[in-house]
Amino acid sequence: MLPPDAAPAPTLNNLAGGAGIPVYVLSLGGLAEGRTRPDQSLRLRAFADETGGRLYPVVSFEDVDRAYEEIESDLRSQYVLG
């Protein structure tokens, strides 16, 4: 536990965004009918956008396949592996 006068711990947004790490979020709320709140989706989208990633709402298993294909394409265009 940090002392009360300690600086706040860096947020995940700051760590990922500051390091240039895109975060891709697969939101499974669509599979749990009626469980996704709009404010949660907005926060997830903002988190992904701030890091250069993307939010993928998942309603079906086909959405997962499509999301992975798009993420793979994005990453292949960003990095050269040698």
PDB file of N, CA and C in Angstrom:
ATOM      1  N   MET A   1       0.843  -1.167   0.000  1.00  0.00           N
ATOM      2  CA  MET A   1       0.000   0.000   0.000  1.00  0.00           C
ATOM      3  C   MET A   1       0.896   1.241   0.000  1.00  0.00           C
ATOM      4  N   LEU A   2       0.496   2.227  -0.809  1.00  0.00           N
ATOM      5  CA  LEU A   2       1.267   3.467  -0.908  1.00  0.00           C
ATOM      6  C   LEU A   2       0.875   4.434   0.196  1.00  0.00           C
ATOM      7  N   PRO A   3       1.851   5.216   0.674  1.00  0.00           N
ATOM      8  CA  PRO A   3       1.498   6.241   1.665  1.00  0.00           C
ATOM      9  C   PRO A   3       0.583   7.285   1.031  1.00  0.00           C
ATOM     10  N   PRO A   4      -0.234   7.979   1.848  1.00  0.00           N
ATOM     11  CA  PRO A   4      -1.206   8.946   1.313  1.00  0.00           C
ATOM     12  C   PRO A   4      -0.580  10.065   0.492  1.00  0.00           C
ATOM     13  N   ASP A   5       0.675  10.417   0.763  1.00  0.00           N
ATOM     14  CA  ASP A   5       1.283  11.522   0.030  1.00  0.00           C
ATOM     15  C   ASP A   5       2.050  11.064  -1.219  1.00  0.00           C
ATOM     16  N   ALA A   6       1.990   9.788  -1.516  1.00  0.00           N
ATOM     17  CA  ALA A   6       2.689   9.263  -2.692  1.00  0.00           C
ATOM     18  C   ALA A   6       1.991   9.717  -3.967  1.00  0.00           C
ATOM     19  N   ALA A   7       2.780   9.865  -5.021  1.00  0.00           N
ATOM     20  CA  ALA A   7       2.200  10.226  -6.318  1.00  0.00           C
ATOM     21  C   ALA A   7       1.314   9.083  -6.782  1.00  0.00           C
ATOM     22  N   PRO A   8       0.229   9.394  -7.496  1.00  0.00           N
ATOM     23  CA  PRO A   8      -0.656   8.325  -7.960  1.00  0.00           C
ATOM     24  C   PRO A   8       0.073   7.393  -8.924  1.00  0.00           C
ATOM     25  N   ALA A   9      -0.278   6.138  -8.847  1.00  0.00           N
ATOM     26  CA  ALA A   9       0.315   5.158  -9.755  1.00  0.00           C
ATOM     27  C   ALA A   9      -0.114   5.472 -11.184  1.00  0.00           C
ATOM     28  N   PRO A  10       0.772   5.252 -12.145  1.00  0.00           N
ATOM     29  CA  PRO A  10       0.392   5.518 -13.532  1.00  0.00           C
ATOM     30  C   PRO A  10      -0.748   4.601 -13.962  1.00  0.00           C
ATOM     31  N   THR A  11      -1.617   5.138 -14.754  1.00  0.00           N
ATOM     32  CA  THR A  11      -2.733   4.327 -15.234  1.00  0.00           C
ATOM     33  C   THR A  11      -2.276   3.468 -16.397  1.00  0.00           C
ATOM     34  N   LEU A  12      -3.037   2.461 -16.681  1.00  0.00           N
ATOM     35  CA  LEU A  12      -2.730   1.588 -17.809  1.00  0.00           C
ATOM     36  C   LEU A  12      -2.712   2.386 -19.105  1.00  0.00           C
ATOM     37  N   ASN A  13      -3.621   3.369 -19.229  1.00  0.00           N
ATOM     38  CA  ASN A  13      -3.634   4.232 -20.422  1.00  0.00           C
ATOM     39  C   ASN A  13      -2.297   4.933 -20.593  1.00  0.00           C
ATOM     40  N   ASN A  14      -1.790   5.506 -19.506  1.00  0.00           N
ATOM     41  CA  ASN A  14      -0.524   6.236 -19.578  1.00  0.00           C
ATOM     42  C   ASN A  14       0.630   5.312 -19.913  1.00  0.00           C
ATOM     43  N   LEU A  15       0.643   4.128 -19.313  1.00  0.00           N
ATOM     44  CA  LEU A  15       1.735   3.192 -19.560  1.00  0.00           C
ATOM     45  C   LEU A  15       1.735   2.714 -21.005  1.00  0.00           C
ATOM     46  N   ALA A  16       0.583   2.272 -21.488  1.00  0.00           N
ATOM     47  CA  ALA A  16       0.503   1.748 -22.848  1.00  0.00           C
ATOM     48  C   ALA A  16       0.686   2.860 -23.873  1.00  0.00           C
ATOM     49  N   GLY A  17      -0.028   3.958 -23.681  1.00  0.00           N
ATOM     50  CA  GLY A  17       0.057   5.065 -24.631  1.00  0.00           C
ATOM     51  C   GLY A  17       1.432   5.693 -24.660  1.00  0.00           C
ATOM     52  N   GLY A  18       2.043   5.858 -23.489  1.00  0.00           N
ATOM     53  CA  GLY A  18       3.363   6.459 -23.407  1.00  0.00           C
ATOM     54  C   GLY A  18       4.439   5.595 -24.030  1.00  0.00           C
ATOM     55  N   ALA A  19       4.217   4.300 -24.038  1.00  0.00           N
ATOM     56  CA  ALA A  19       5.190   3.375 -24.620  1.00  0.00           C
ATOM     57  C   ALA A  19       4.899   3.108 -26.090  1.00  0.00           C
ATOM     58  N   GLY A  20       3.829   3.696 -26.608  1.00  0.00           N
ATOM     59  CA  GLY A  20       3.478   3.473 -28.006  1.00  0.00           C
ATOM     60  C   GLY A  20       2.897   2.093 -28.270  1.00  0.00           C
ATOM     61  N   ILE A  21       2.266   1.515 -27.266  1.00  0.00           N
ATOM     62  CA  ILE A  21       1.692   0.174 -27.401  1.00  0.00           C
ATOM     63  C   ILE A  21       0.204   0.290 -27.695  1.00  0.00           C
ATOM     64  N   PRO A  22      -0.232  -0.118 -28.891  1.00  0.00           N
ATOM     65  CA  PRO A  22      -1.668  -0.083 -29.169  1.00  0.00           C
ATOM     66  C   PRO A  22      -2.374  -1.199 -28.395  1.00  0.00           C
ATOM     67  N   VAL A  23      -3.522  -0.876 -27.824  1.00  0.00           N
ATOM     68  CA  VAL A  23      -4.307  -1.870 -27.093  1.00  0.00           C
ATOM     69  C   VAL A  23      -5.571  -2.142 -27.875  1.00  0.00           C
ATOM     70  N   TYR A  24      -5.776  -3.405 -28.221  1.00  0.00           N
ATOM     71  CA  TYR A  24      -6.963  -3.839 -28.937  1.00  0.00           C
ATOM     72  C   TYR A  24      -7.879  -4.529 -27.937  1.00  0.00           C
ATOM     73  N   VAL A  25      -9.116  -4.047 -27.845  1.00  0.00           N
ATOM     74  CA  VAL A  25     -10.054  -4.535 -26.847  1.00  0.00           C
ATOM     75  C   VAL A  25     -11.172  -5.302 -27.534  1.00  0.00           C
ATOM     76  N   LEU A  26     -11.362  -6.551 -27.128  1.00  0.00           N
ATOM     77  CA  LEU A  26     -12.513  -7.329 -27.583  1.00  0.00           C
ATOM     78  C   LEU A  26     -13.530  -7.295 -26.458  1.00  0.00           C
ATOM     79  N   SER A  27     -14.638  -6.597 -26.694  1.00  0.00           N
ATOM     80  CA  SER A  27     -15.675  -6.444 -25.692  1.00  0.00           C
ATOM     81  C   SER A  27     -16.673  -7.575 -25.843  1.00  0.00           C
ATOM     82  N   LEU A  28     -16.693  -8.469 -24.865  1.00  0.00           N
ATOM     83  CA  LEU A  28     -17.558  -9.640 -24.928  1.00  0.00           C
ATOM     84  C   LEU A  28     -18.949  -9.372 -24.378  1.00  0.00           C
ATOM     85  N   GLY A  29     -19.263  -8.130 -24.095  1.00  0.00           N
ATOM     86  CA  GLY A  29     -20.566  -7.791 -23.531  1.00  0.00           C
ATOM     87  C   GLY A  29     -21.730  -8.213 -24.398  1.00  0.00           C
ATOM     88  N   GLY A  30     -21.532  -8.244 -25.700  1.00  0.00           N
ATOM     89  CA  GLY A  30     -22.604  -8.640 -26.605  1.00  0.00           C
ATOM     90  C   GLY A  30     -23.009 -10.091 -26.456  1.00  0.00           C
ATOM     91  N   LEU A  31     -22.094 -10.919 -25.938  1.00  0.00           N
ATOM     92  CA  LEU A  31     -22.416 -12.329 -25.732  1.00  0.00           C
ATOM     93  C   LEU A  31     -23.221 -12.544 -24.454  1.00  0.00           C
ATOM     94  N   ALA A  32     -23.127 -11.617 -23.524  1.00  0.00           N
ATOM     95  CA  ALA A  32     -23.887 -11.683 -22.276  1.00  0.00           C
ATOM     96  C   ALA A  32     -25.044 -10.705 -22.417  1.00  0.00           C
ATOM     97  N   GLU A  33     -26.104 -11.151 -23.017  1.00  0.00           N
ATOM     98  CA  GLU A  33     -27.226 -10.287 -23.381  1.00  0.00           C
ATOM     99  C   GLU A  33     -27.635  -9.345 -22.257  1.00  0.00           C
ATOM    100  N   GLY A  34     -27.708  -8.071 -22.608  1.00  0.00           N
ATOM    101  CA  GLY A  34     -28.187  -7.073 -21.677  1.00  0.00           C
ATOM    102  C   GLY A  34     -27.209  -6.675 -20.591  1.00  0.00           C
ATOM    103  N   ARG A  35     -25.974  -7.141 -20.662  1.00  0.00           N
ATOM    104  CA  ARG A  35     -25.028  -6.851 -19.584  1.00  0.00           C
ATOM    105  C   ARG A  35     -24.076  -5.712 -19.882  1.00  0.00           C
ATOM    106  N   THR A  36     -23.964  -5.271 -21.120  1.00  0.00           N
ATOM    107  CA  THR A  36     -23.047  -4.188 -21.441  1.00  0.00           C
ATOM    108  C   THR A  36     -23.745  -2.851 -21.242  1.00  0.00           C
ATOM    109  N   ARG A  37     -23.129  -1.996 -20.440  1.00  0.00           N
ATOM    110  CA  ARG A  37     -23.668  -0.663 -20.244  1.00  0.00           C
ATOM    111  C   ARG A  37     -22.993   0.274 -21.224  1.00  0.00           C
ATOM    112  N   PRO A  38     -23.732   1.274 -21.724  1.00  0.00           N
ATOM    113  CA  PRO A  38     -23.150   2.223 -22.677  1.00  0.00           C
ATOM    114  C   PRO A  38     -21.902   2.917 -22.152  1.00  0.00           C
ATOM    115  N   ASP A  39     -21.872   3.264 -20.856  1.00  0.00           N
ATOM    116  CA  ASP A  39     -20.696   3.940 -20.314  1.00  0.00           C
ATOM    117  C   ASP A  39     -19.469   3.030 -20.327  1.00  0.00           C
ATOM    118  N   GLN A  40     -19.671   1.730 -20.172  1.00  0.00           N
ATOM    119  CA  GLN A  40     -18.545   0.795 -20.249  1.00  0.00           C
ATOM    120  C   GLN A  40     -17.978   0.758 -21.667  1.00  0.00           C
ATOM    121  N   SER A  41     -18.853   0.720 -22.642  1.00  0.00           N
ATOM    122  CA  SER A  41     -18.402   0.701 -24.033  1.00  0.00           C
ATOM    123  C   SER A  41     -17.649   1.978 -24.377  1.00  0.00           C
ATOM    124  N   LEU A  42     -18.128   3.111 -23.886  1.00  0.00           N
ATOM    125  CA  LEU A  42     -17.438   4.376 -24.153  1.00  0.00           C
ATOM    126  C   LEU A  42     -16.053   4.393 -23.524  1.00  0.00           C
ATOM    127  N   ARG A  43     -15.938   3.878 -22.314  1.00  0.00           N
ATOM    128  CA  ARG A  43     -14.626   3.840 -21.650  1.00  0.00           C
ATOM    129  C   ARG A  43     -13.671   2.893 -22.368  1.00  0.00           C
ATOM    130  N   LEU A  44     -14.174   1.744 -22.793  1.00  0.00           N
ATOM    131  CA  LEU A  44     -13.323   0.805 -23.518  1.00  0.00           C
ATOM    132  C   LEU A  44     -12.867   1.394 -24.848  1.00  0.00           C
ATOM    133  N   ARG A  45     -13.787   2.060 -25.550  1.00  0.00           N
ATOM    134  CA  ARG A  45     -13.428   2.679 -26.829  1.00  0.00           C
ATOM    135  C   ARG A  45     -12.388   3.782 -26.615  1.00  0.00           C
ATOM    136  N   ALA A  46     -12.582   4.607 -25.593  1.00  0.00           N
ATOM    137  CA  ALA A  46     -11.631   5.683 -25.313  1.00  0.00           C
ATOM    138  C   ALA A  46     -10.258   5.103 -24.975  1.00  0.00           C
ATOM    139  N   PHE A  47     -10.230   4.038 -24.182  1.00  0.00           N
ATOM    140  CA  PHE A  47      -8.973   3.395 -23.817  1.00  0.00           C
ATOM    141  C   PHE A  47      -8.253   2.893 -25.067  1.00  0.00           C
ATOM    142  N   ALA A  48      -8.965   2.201 -25.922  1.00  0.00           N
ATOM    143  CA  ALA A  48      -8.353   1.684 -27.154  1.00  0.00           C
ATOM    144  C   ALA A  48      -7.885   2.832 -28.050  1.00  0.00           C
ATOM    145  N   ASP A  49      -8.715   3.840 -28.223  1.00  0.00           N
ATOM    146  CA  ASP A  49      -8.359   4.980 -29.083  1.00  0.00           C
ATOM    147  C   ASP A  49      -7.131   5.726 -28.569  1.00  0.00           C
ATOM    148  N   GLU A  50      -7.053   5.928 -27.258  1.00  0.00           N
ATOM    149  CA  GLU A  50      -5.939   6.666 -26.672  1.00  0.00           C
ATOM    150  C   GLU A  50      -4.601   5.965 -26.878  1.00  0.00           C
ATOM    151  N   THR A  51      -4.631   4.662 -27.030  1.00  0.00           N
ATOM    152  CA  THR A  51      -3.386   3.909 -27.196  1.00  0.00           C
ATOM    153  C   THR A  51      -3.086   3.602 -28.665  1.00  0.00           C
ATOM    154  N   GLY A  52      -3.983   4.017 -29.551  1.00  0.00           N
ATOM    155  CA  GLY A  52      -3.779   3.722 -30.965  1.00  0.00           C
ATOM    156  C   GLY A  52      -4.339   2.376 -31.384  1.00  0.00           C
ATOM    157  N   GLY A  53      -5.076   1.752 -30.489  1.00  0.00           N
ATOM    158  CA  GLY A  53      -5.692   0.462 -30.788  1.00  0.00           C
ATOM    159  C   GLY A  53      -7.112   0.638 -31.275  1.00  0.00           C
ATOM    160  N   ARG A  54      -7.942  -0.353 -31.009  1.00  0.00           N
ATOM    161  CA  ARG A  54      -9.314  -0.318 -31.497  1.00  0.00           C
ATOM    162  C   ARG A  54     -10.192  -1.193 -30.611  1.00  0.00           C
ATOM    163  N   LEU A  55     -11.465  -0.832 -30.532  1.00  0.00           N
ATOM    164  CA  LEU A  55     -12.455  -1.623 -29.803  1.00  0.00           C
ATOM    165  C   LEU A  55     -13.215  -2.496 -30.790  1.00  0.00           C
ATOM    166  N   TYR A  56     -13.355  -3.762 -30.448  1.00  0.00           N
ATOM    167  CA  TYR A  56     -14.121  -4.705 -31.256  1.00  0.00           C
ATOM    168  C   TYR A  56     -15.253  -5.263 -30.403  1.00  0.00           C
ATOM    169  N   PRO A  57     -16.482  -4.782 -30.617  1.00  0.00           N
ATOM    170  CA  PRO A  57     -17.612  -5.377 -29.897  1.00  0.00           C
ATOM    171  C   PRO A  57     -17.861  -6.788 -30.447  1.00  0.00           C
ATOM    172  N   VAL A  58     -17.989  -7.748 -29.562  1.00  0.00           N
ATOM    173  CA  VAL A  58     -18.174  -9.138 -29.967  1.00  0.00           C
ATOM    174  C   VAL A  58     -19.593  -9.570 -29.622  1.00  0.00           C
ATOM    175  N   VAL A  59     -20.330  -9.923 -30.659  1.00  0.00           N
ATOM    176  CA  VAL A  59     -21.698 -10.410 -30.474  1.00  0.00           C
ATOM    177  C   VAL A  59     -21.772 -11.888 -30.826  1.00  0.00           C
ATOM    178  N   SER A  60     -20.883 -12.326 -31.718  1.00  0.00           N
ATOM    179  CA  SER A  60     -20.866 -13.727 -32.130  1.00  0.00           C
ATOM    180  C   SER A  60     -19.417 -14.198 -32.237  1.00  0.00           C
ATOM    181  N   PHE A  61     -19.238 -15.494 -32.366  1.00  0.00           N
ATOM    182  CA  PHE A  61     -17.888 -16.038 -32.489  1.00  0.00           C
ATOM    183  C   PHE A  61     -17.240 -15.609 -33.802  1.00  0.00           C
ATOM    184  N   GLU A  62     -18.033 -15.317 -34.810  1.00  0.00           N
ATOM    185  CA  GLU A  62     -17.492 -14.827 -36.075  1.00  0.00           C
ATOM    186  C   GLU A  62     -16.848 -13.449 -35.891  1.00  0.00           C
ATOM    187  N   ASP A  63     -17.394 -12.661 -34.968  1.00  0.00           N
ATOM    188  CA  ASP A  63     -16.819 -11.343 -34.671  1.00  0.00           C
ATOM    189  C   ASP A  63     -15.400 -11.474 -34.126  1.00  0.00           C
ATOM    190  N   VAL A  64     -15.155 -12.537 -33.353  1.00  0.00           N
ATOM    191  CA  VAL A  64     -13.817 -12.759 -32.795  1.00  0.00           C
ATOM    192  C   VAL A  64     -12.835 -13.038 -33.928  1.00  0.00           C
ATOM    193  N   ASP A  65     -13.216 -13.908 -34.845  1.00  0.00           N
ATOM    194  CA  ASP A  65     -12.351 -14.224 -35.991  1.00  0.00           C
ATOM    195  C   ASP A  65     -12.035 -12.967 -36.793  1.00  0.00           C
ATOM    196  N   ARG A  66     -13.055 -12.169 -37.067  1.00  0.00           N
ATOM    197  CA  ARG A  66     -12.865 -10.941 -37.852  1.00  0.00           C
ATOM    198  C   ARG A  66     -11.955  -9.964 -37.112  1.00  0.00           C
ATOM    199  N   ALA A  67     -12.143  -9.835 -35.803  1.00  0.00           N
ATOM    200  CA  ALA A  67     -11.313  -8.930 -35.011  1.00  0.00           C
ATOM    201  C   ALA A  67      -9.851  -9.362 -35.062  1.00  0.00           C
ATOM    202  N   TYR A  68      -9.597 -10.653 -34.896  1.00  0.00           N
ATOM    203  CA  TYR A  68      -8.209 -11.132 -34.941  1.00  0.00           C
ATOM    204  C   TYR A  68      -7.580 -10.911 -36.309  1.00  0.00           C
ATOM    205  N   GLU A  69      -8.355 -11.081 -37.361  1.00  0.00           N
ATOM    206  CA  GLU A  69      -7.833 -10.829 -38.712  1.00  0.00           C
ATOM    207  C   GLU A  69      -7.456  -9.356 -38.881  1.00  0.00           C
ATOM    208  N   GLU A  70      -8.309  -8.448 -38.397  1.00  0.00           N
ATOM    209  CA  GLU A  70      -8.023  -7.017 -38.517  1.00  0.00           C
ATOM    210  C   GLU A  70      -6.834  -6.608 -37.648  1.00  0.00           C
ATOM    211  N   ILE A  71      -6.747  -7.176 -36.461  1.00  0.00           N
ATOM    212  CA  ILE A  71      -5.617  -6.866 -35.584  1.00  0.00           C
ATOM    213  C   ILE A  71      -4.319  -7.354 -36.217  1.00  0.00           C
ATOM    214  N   GLU A  72      -4.341  -8.542 -36.756  1.00  0.00           N
ATOM    215  CA  GLU A  72      -3.151  -9.074 -37.424  1.00  0.00           C
ATOM    216  C   GLU A  72      -2.736  -8.174 -38.582  1.00  0.00           C
ATOM    217  N   SER A  73      -3.695  -7.728 -39.366  1.00  0.00           N
ATOM    218  CA  SER A  73      -3.397  -6.842 -40.489  1.00  0.00           C
ATOM    219  C   SER A  73      -2.805  -5.522 -40.003  1.00  0.00           C
ATOM    220  N   ASP A  74      -3.385  -4.956 -38.955  1.00  0.00           N
ATOM    221  CA  ASP A  74      -2.877  -3.699 -38.393  1.00  0.00           C
ATOM    222  C   ASP A  74      -1.434  -3.861 -37.919  1.00  0.00           C
ATOM    223  N   LEU A  75      -1.184  -4.934 -37.173  1.00  0.00           N
ATOM    224  CA  LEU A  75       0.150  -5.137 -36.631  1.00  0.00           C
ATOM    225  C   LEU A  75       1.177  -5.401 -37.725  1.00  0.00           C
ATOM    226  N   ARG A  76       0.790  -6.128 -38.741  1.00  0.00           N
ATOM    227  CA  ARG A  76       1.726  -6.401 -39.847  1.00  0.00           C
ATOM    228  C   ARG A  76       2.108  -5.119 -40.583  1.00  0.00           C
ATOM    229  N   SER A  77       1.193  -4.162 -40.627  1.00  0.00           N
ATOM    230  CA  SER A  77       1.508  -2.906 -41.324  1.00  0.00           C
ATOM    231  C   SER A  77       2.303  -1.942 -40.438  1.00  0.00           C
ATOM    232  N   GLN A  78       2.364  -2.196 -39.119  1.00  0.00           N
ATOM    233  CA  GLN A  78       3.060  -1.304 -38.207  1.00  0.00           C
ATOM    234  C   GLN A  78       4.493  -1.726 -37.923  1.00  0.00           C
ATOM    235  N   TYR A  79       4.760  -3.004 -37.986  1.00  0.00           N
ATOM    236  CA  TYR A  79       6.066  -3.502 -37.560  1.00  0.00           C
ATOM    237  C   TYR A  79       6.705  -4.355 -38.646  1.00  0.00           C
ATOM    238  N   VAL A  80       8.021  -4.287 -38.690  1.00  0.00           N
ATOM    239  CA  VAL A  80       8.789  -5.170 -39.566  1.00  0.00           C
ATOM    240  C   VAL A  80       9.589  -6.078 -38.659  1.00  0.00           C
ATOM    241  N   LEU A  81       9.317  -7.364 -38.776  1.00  0.00           N
ATOM    242  CA  LEU A  81      10.044  -8.334 -37.963  1.00  0.00           C
ATOM    243  C   LEU A  81      11.159  -8.940 -38.790  1.00  0.00           C
ATOM    244  N   GLY A  82      12.335  -9.023 -38.221  1.00  0.00           N
ATOM    245  CA  GLY A  82      13.459  -9.525 -38.993  1.00  0.00           C
ATOM    246  C   GLY A  82      14.090 -10.740 -38.419  1.00  0.00           C
TER     247      GLY A  82
END
